[in-house]
Amino acid sequence: MHNTASKKHTACCTPPASALLRSDKDRPSWNRRYVGAVTALAALWWLAYSYILPASNWLVFGLLRLAPDSHIGASLEFFVYDTVKILLLLVALIYAIAWVRASMNVEHVRDYLAGRRRGIGYFLGAVFGAVTPFCSCSSIPLFLGFTTARIPIGITMSFLITSPLINEIAVVLLWGLLGWKFTLLYVLIGMSAGIIGGFVMDGLKAGRWLQPFILEALEKAPAHQYVNEAGEIQKLTVHQRHLFAYSETATIFKRVWKWVIMGVGIGAALHGFVPENWFAENLGSGEWWSVPVSVLVGIPLYSNVTGIIPIMESLLVKGLPIGTTLAFCMSAVAASIPEVMLLRQIMTIKLQATFIVYLWMIFTLVGWLFNIVGPYII
């Protein structure tokens, strides 16, 4: 009975005839060409990714001759850099994760993380987020890939929350600015925010609030093996994995590319035109309400953790309390209008609202805590 059910499952997931090679003799030569093409494209991708920043600087400040310290110049440079970066990451990461999904039994990975080891999964998601140098928008391709790979929603949320908050450059900069005690607390709080967030999302069964096309993709995820015409169980070939990964990447890219451009455009406008002096002048009184308000003000903005640290230093010098400063900066890093627009393609409004409310609550608590203990650790 079990064997019959297994064969039915693998048979229903058998790739279409167009996805199968005409002859086994074709496989070695096709595989060699595929490896060569992927190697060349990967090299070109890395070259393009490495030169996004100097290319955007040249385009905006060189070719267009806009002043680096002008609002329009800062906004346009930010827009060009982040749009190209996110689109490159989207293509590469979705293809790679989809290829892996078609190559391995993701059910085993999901079952391992979804069982008694769920707590370890939250921790691993937060750790992976901490070691990946992504901003809130750049984290979304990986989040989407993990979700479609059937990783539990709580673990993917742990990654999504932690990834923009912590990276090695930020740790070094914070250490030099505010000392090792503050830096250690910041890392622990960032990790804890991700782990607790994962626990909360799984407790709410937030996976049911993903967009229908994501839920449909989860149901139609390919088996890593299939039954051939002779009734033998075989693993998918390299050709079949490529076809699945290419189709997955094209489908997702067509759905979200315009939202990347729109979202980053709004974020770039905020980045270039909102003066940082406003926060010190209006939220520097140290009143209890200034912390939740600073989080609400910070969430729509868009920055990465490395870029926010100089702003953090400036706000502290201008007299903004440490907790209020930290709450504002963490909210500006962990969430943004561009991220919300991109996540809207993946999450329903209910899941997005839960995600934003959680961030607002956790960062408010962090701000209040640091306003109390800040004088003793700096």
Foldseek 3Di string as FASTA:
>chain_A
DVVVVVQVVQAVQDDDPVLDDPDPVPFVVVVVVVVVVVVVVVVVLVVCLVCQLVVLCCVLCNVVVDDCQALVSQLSSLLSSQLVNLLSLLLVLLLVLLLVLLADALVVVQVVCVPPVVLVLLLVLLVVLQADQDFLSSLVSVLLSCLLSVRDNLSSQLSNQNNQQHHPLLLVLCCVQQNDLVSVVSSVLSNVLSSVSSVVCVVVVQNVQWDPVSVVSSVSRHGQWHQDPVRDIGGDGSSSSNVRSVVSSVVLCVLCSVLLSVLSSQQSSCVSPPDLVVLLVPLQPPDLVSQLVLLVVQQAHEDGSNVCVVSLSVSVVSRRQNLSSQLNSSNNRSHHSSSLSRCVSTGPPVSVVVSSVSSSVSSSVSSVVCSVCVVVRD
